[in-house]
């Protein structure tokens, strides 16, 4: 009886520890994603099972649908989901705020559009935990089965950014992105827009992190419309302009001999 009681007590204490100290925090920026949020919650619930993980849905002030109300609904249903509501706008801003609100030893971000399988975040966690030095590793998806035009566009941007920044970069916007929380300390004044993916990927390479890529499928969106890849040239042109501007800004910093995170 005494041994059984001790086991129960130890397990109870372990459960409390798991709830207060998650192994992984997954940040998901959401903007006009009311239809996808219930799907995201359900899919993550199936994928996580007993994993010690927290999900942070970060919604900025720009949503014009019922995104915030849907977040509050899934928070009541799924205890591992938390809502982070900010008054500023921007993809990068949302992710950065989510990262700073996270409690996990490892941090990750991915999208709410269901084009990345939620189980890929768990695969990424398993990959980084197997590394010789997890604290200096950066795990990132590598998208497969994408439309030809999207692959051609990404290839061209990868060549440009690699040439400008002096290091090989490819499939820059692939999800998920996962790393040890210590990398967060190197992020100083990161971009608030879609250049955030490039910034952190480049920062990890410059800081000599081991970059580990793994294949992920990239199907069509189920609901809603991409905020930059809506299928027309205009949206891609805006994205290209922002990315080129940020890439050139990084290059100027390098020429002055300053750290990218200063």
Protein backbone atom coordinates (compact mmCIF):
# COMPACT_ATOMS: atom_id res chain seq x y z
CA UNK A 1 0.00 0.00 0.00
CA UNK A 2 2.82 2.36 0.93
CA UNK A 3 4.70 1.72 -2.33
CA UNK A 4 1.55 2.25 -4.40
CA UNK A 5 0.89 5.52 -2.59
CA UNK A 6 4.46 6.63 -3.24
CA UNK A 7 4.13 5.90 -6.96
CA UNK A 8 0.88 7.84 -7.12
CA UNK A 9 2.44 10.75 -5.30
CA UNK A 10 5.46 10.77 -7.62
CA UNK A 11 3.26 10.62 -10.72
CA UNK A 12 1.09 13.44 -9.37
CA UNK A 13 4.17 15.57 -8.81
CA UNK A 14 5.42 14.75 -12.29
CA UNK A 15 2.11 15.82 -13.81
CA UNK A 16 2.29 19.17 -12.02
CA UNK A 17 5.83 19.66 -13.30
CA UNK A 18 4.80 18.84 -16.85
CA UNK A 19 1.98 21.35 -16.76
CA UNK A 20 4.18 24.15 -15.47
CA UNK A 21 7.29 23.32 -17.52
CA UNK A 22 6.39 22.13 -21.01
CA UNK A 23 9.10 20.55 -23.11
CA UNK A 24 7.87 22.34 -26.21
CA UNK A 25 5.96 25.55 -26.92
CA UNK A 26 4.38 25.85 -30.37
CA UNK A 27 3.57 29.38 -31.51
CA UNK A 28 0.90 29.80 -34.19
CA UNK A 29 0.17 33.30 -35.50
CA UNK A 30 -3.49 33.63 -36.49
CA UNK A 31 -5.04 36.34 -38.62
CA UNK A 32 -8.59 35.92 -39.94
CA UNK A 33 -8.39 32.17 -39.30
CA UNK A 34 -11.72 31.56 -37.53
CA UNK A 35 -12.55 28.53 -39.70
CA UNK A 36 -9.13 26.94 -39.30
CA UNK A 37 -8.77 27.35 -35.53
CA UNK A 38 -11.12 24.48 -34.54
CA UNK A 39 -9.30 22.25 -37.05
CA UNK A 40 -5.90 23.28 -35.69
CA UNK A 41 -7.00 22.52 -32.14
CA UNK A 42 -8.46 19.14 -33.07
CA UNK A 43 -5.45 18.06 -35.15
CA UNK A 44 -2.98 19.09 -32.47
CA UNK A 45 -5.03 17.25 -29.87
CA UNK A 46 -4.71 14.09 -31.96
CA UNK A 47 -1.00 14.59 -32.59
CA UNK A 48 0.12 15.60 -29.11
CA UNK A 49 -1.69 12.92 -27.09
CA UNK A 50 0.31 12.80 -23.82
CA UNK A 51 3.14 15.02 -25.03
CA UNK A 52 4.19 17.78 -22.64
CA UNK A 53 3.47 20.62 -25.07
CA UNK A 54 1.71 23.97 -25.00
CA UNK A 55 0.14 25.72 -28.01
CA UNK A 56 0.08 29.51 -28.15
CA UNK A 57 -2.37 31.00 -30.63
CA UNK A 58 -1.27 34.59 -31.18
CA UNK A 59 -3.84 36.97 -32.63
CA UNK A 60 -3.07 40.58 -33.41
CA UNK A 61 -5.54 43.43 -33.57
CA UNK A 62 -6.05 43.20 -37.32
CA UNK A 63 -8.43 40.25 -37.62
CA UNK A 64 -11.83 41.24 -38.97
CA UNK A 65 -13.61 37.93 -38.40
CA UNK A 66 -14.32 35.92 -35.21
CA UNK A 67 -10.77 34.66 -34.79
CA UNK A 68 -10.47 35.89 -31.20
CA UNK A 69 -13.78 34.33 -30.16
CA UNK A 70 -12.77 30.99 -31.70
CA UNK A 71 -9.49 31.06 -29.78
CA UNK A 72 -11.37 31.55 -26.53
CA UNK A 73 -13.64 28.61 -27.37
CA UNK A 74 -10.78 26.17 -28.03
CA UNK A 75 -8.96 27.38 -24.91
CA UNK A 76 -11.90 26.15 -22.83
CA UNK A 77 -11.97 22.80 -24.59
CA UNK A 78 -8.23 22.09 -24.78
CA UNK A 79 -6.15 22.93 -21.66
CA UNK A 80 -2.87 22.83 -23.62
CA UNK A 81 -3.97 25.81 -25.76
CA UNK A 82 -3.32 29.38 -24.66
CA UNK A 83 -4.34 32.61 -26.33
CA UNK A 84 -2.01 35.56 -26.73
CA UNK A 85 -3.71 38.76 -27.87
CA UNK A 86 -1.61 41.73 -28.96
CA UNK A 87 -2.53 45.23 -30.10
CA UNK A 88 0.09 45.48 -32.84
CA UNK A 89 0.03 43.96 -36.30
CA UNK A 90 2.53 41.85 -38.17
CA UNK A 91 3.41 38.20 -38.80
CA UNK A 92 6.87 38.52 -37.26
CA UNK A 93 5.55 40.59 -34.38
CA UNK A 94 3.00 37.90 -33.52
CA UNK A 95 5.58 35.12 -33.57
CA UNK A 96 8.09 37.09 -31.51
CA UNK A 97 5.47 37.95 -28.89
CA UNK A 98 4.46 34.30 -28.76
CA UNK A 99 8.06 33.16 -28.34
CA UNK A 100 8.52 35.58 -25.45
CA UNK A 101 5.33 34.32 -23.79
CA UNK A 102 6.31 30.66 -24.12
CA UNK A 103 7.36 28.44 -21.21
CA UNK A 104 8.90 25.52 -23.11
CA UNK A 105 12.52 24.39 -23.18
CA UNK A 106 12.21 24.18 -26.96
CA UNK A 107 10.34 26.75 -29.05
CA UNK A 108 8.63 26.28 -32.39
CA UNK A 109 6.41 28.16 -34.76
CA UNK A 110 4.22 27.03 -37.59
CA UNK A 111 1.15 28.24 -39.48
CA UNK A 112 -2.57 27.94 -38.83
CA UNK A 113 -3.51 27.27 -42.46
CA UNK A 114 -3.23 23.47 -42.08
CA UNK A 115 -0.70 23.32 -44.91
CA UNK A 116 1.78 21.95 -42.38
CA UNK A 117 0.79 18.77 -40.56
CA UNK A 118 0.68 19.38 -36.78
CA UNK A 119 2.48 16.06 -36.29
CA UNK A 120 5.51 17.61 -38.05
CA UNK A 121 6.15 19.70 -34.93
CA UNK A 122 6.49 16.51 -32.87
CA UNK A 123 8.79 15.02 -35.52
CA UNK A 124 10.92 18.17 -35.27
CA UNK A 125 11.05 17.83 -31.48
CA UNK A 126 12.17 14.20 -31.75
CA UNK A 127 14.84 15.19 -34.27
CA UNK A 128 16.34 17.95 -32.11
CA UNK A 129 16.32 15.77 -29.01
CA UNK A 130 18.45 13.22 -30.87
CA UNK A 131 21.12 15.76 -31.77
CA UNK A 132 24.47 15.68 -30.02
CA UNK A 133 24.01 19.30 -28.98
CA UNK A 134 20.27 20.18 -29.03
CA UNK A 135 20.94 23.68 -27.70
CA UNK A 136 22.92 24.52 -30.84
CA UNK A 137 20.60 22.85 -33.34
CA UNK A 138 17.89 24.35 -35.55
CA UNK A 139 15.27 22.07 -37.13
CA UNK A 140 13.30 23.27 -40.14
CA UNK A 141 10.93 21.65 -42.61
CA UNK A 142 11.68 21.17 -46.30
CA UNK A 143 8.49 21.36 -48.37
CA UNK A 144 7.54 18.72 -50.93
CA UNK A 145 4.75 18.46 -53.53
CA UNK A 146 4.45 22.18 -54.12
CA UNK A 147 3.12 23.72 -57.35
CA UNK A 148 5.82 24.33 -59.97
CA UNK A 149 5.42 28.12 -59.93
CA UNK A 150 5.78 28.25 -56.15
CA UNK A 151 8.94 26.12 -56.31
CA UNK A 152 10.34 28.30 -59.09
CA UNK A 153 9.57 31.47 -57.10
CA UNK A 154 11.16 30.08 -53.94
CA UNK A 155 14.22 28.90 -55.89
CA UNK A 156 14.78 32.39 -57.30
CA UNK A 157 14.40 34.05 -53.90
CA UNK A 158 16.76 31.52 -52.33
CA UNK A 159 19.46 32.27 -54.90
CA UNK A 160 19.09 36.01 -54.35
CA UNK A 161 19.12 35.85 -50.56
CA UNK A 162 22.03 33.39 -50.47
CA UNK A 163 24.06 35.68 -52.73
CA UNK A 164 23.19 38.83 -50.77
CA UNK A 165 23.81 37.33 -47.31
CA UNK A 166 26.80 35.18 -48.23
CA UNK A 167 25.44 31.87 -46.96
CA UNK A 168 23.38 29.10 -48.52
CA UNK A 169 19.68 29.44 -47.70
CA UNK A 170 16.80 27.53 -49.26
CA UNK A 171 13.06 27.00 -48.77
CA UNK A 172 13.23 29.87 -46.31
CA UNK A 173 9.53 29.99 -45.48
CA UNK A 174 9.15 26.26 -44.82
CA UNK A 175 7.51 25.18 -41.57
CA UNK A 176 7.90 24.22 -38.80
CA UNK A 177 10.89 25.99 -37.22
CA UNK A 178 12.15 24.55 -33.92
CA UNK A 179 15.08 25.41 -31.64
CA UNK A 180 16.20 25.66 -28.02
CA UNK A 181 14.87 28.67 -26.12
CA UNK A 182 18.41 30.06 -25.71
CA UNK A 183 18.35 31.21 -29.36
CA UNK A 184 15.65 33.68 -28.36
CA UNK A 185 18.30 35.66 -26.44
CA UNK A 186 20.06 36.42 -29.75
CA UNK A 187 16.98 37.96 -31.37
CA UNK A 188 17.29 41.72 -31.09
CA UNK A 189 14.79 43.95 -32.89
CA UNK A 190 13.64 41.25 -35.35
CA UNK A 191 11.49 42.22 -38.35
CA UNK A 192 7.76 42.38 -37.70
CA UNK A 193 6.65 41.15 -41.12
CA UNK A 194 7.14 37.99 -43.21
CA UNK A 195 10.92 38.53 -43.21
CA UNK A 196 10.93 36.97 -39.75
CA UNK A 197 11.45 33.47 -41.17
CA UNK A 198 14.54 34.66 -43.04
CA UNK A 199 15.87 36.55 -40.02
CA UNK A 200 15.81 33.61 -37.60
CA UNK A 201 17.03 31.06 -40.17
CA UNK A 202 19.95 33.33 -41.06
CA UNK A 203 20.63 34.12 -37.41
CA UNK A 204 20.88 30.41 -36.58
CA UNK A 205 23.32 29.81 -39.46
CA UNK A 206 25.43 32.84 -38.59
CA UNK A 207 25.55 31.68 -34.96
CA UNK A 208 26.87 28.30 -36.19
CA UNK A 209 23.84 26.27 -35.24
CA UNK A 210 23.55 22.84 -36.84
CA UNK A 211 20.72 23.19 -39.38
CA UNK A 212 18.68 20.02 -39.73
CA UNK A 213 16.10 19.87 -42.52
CA UNK A 214 13.42 17.19 -42.82
CA UNK A 215 10.76 16.57 -45.50
CA UNK A 216 7.23 17.87 -44.95
CA UNK A 217 4.24 17.76 -47.27
CA UNK A 218 2.63 21.04 -48.29
CA UNK A 219 -1.00 20.57 -49.42
CA UNK A 220 -3.51 23.27 -50.31
CA UNK A 221 -5.15 25.43 -47.67
CA UNK A 222 -8.45 24.08 -46.34
CA UNK A 223 -9.99 27.44 -45.39
CA UNK A 224 -9.10 31.08 -45.96
CA UNK A 225 -6.51 32.72 -48.13
CA UNK A 226 -2.77 33.06 -47.76
CA UNK A 227 -1.67 36.49 -46.52
CA UNK A 228 1.12 36.68 -49.12
CA UNK A 229 0.73 33.72 -51.49
CA UNK A 230 -2.80 34.30 -52.69
CA UNK A 231 -2.02 33.09 -56.19
CA UNK A 232 -1.58 36.45 -57.92
CA UNK A 233 1.64 38.18 -58.88
CA UNK A 234 0.78 41.32 -56.91
CA UNK A 235 0.96 39.55 -53.54
CA UNK A 236 4.25 37.88 -54.47
CA UNK A 237 5.65 41.19 -55.71
CA UNK A 238 4.95 42.83 -52.34
CA UNK A 239 6.57 39.92 -50.55
CA UNK A 240 9.62 40.11 -52.83
CA UNK A 241 10.02 43.85 -52.16
CA UNK A 242 9.88 43.35 -48.37
CA UNK A 243 12.32 40.45 -48.48
CA UNK A 244 14.81 42.25 -50.72
CA UNK A 245 14.66 45.33 -48.49
CA UNK A 246 15.36 43.26 -45.38
CA UNK A 247 18.12 41.24 -47.09
CA UNK A 248 19.89 44.41 -48.20
CA UNK A 249 19.53 45.79 -44.69
CA UNK A 250 21.25 42.72 -43.26
CA UNK A 251 24.04 43.07 -45.81
CA UNK A 252 24.68 46.69 -44.75
CA UNK A 253 24.97 45.57 -41.14
CA UNK A 254 27.48 42.89 -42.14
CA UNK A 255 29.56 45.43 -44.06
CA UNK A 256 29.78 47.60 -40.95
CA UNK A 257 31.09 44.58 -39.07
CA UNK A 258 28.19 44.53 -36.63
CA UNK A 259 26.29 41.49 -35.44
CA UNK A 260 22.95 40.84 -37.07
CA UNK A 261 21.37 40.72 -33.64
CA UNK A 262 22.66 44.11 -32.49
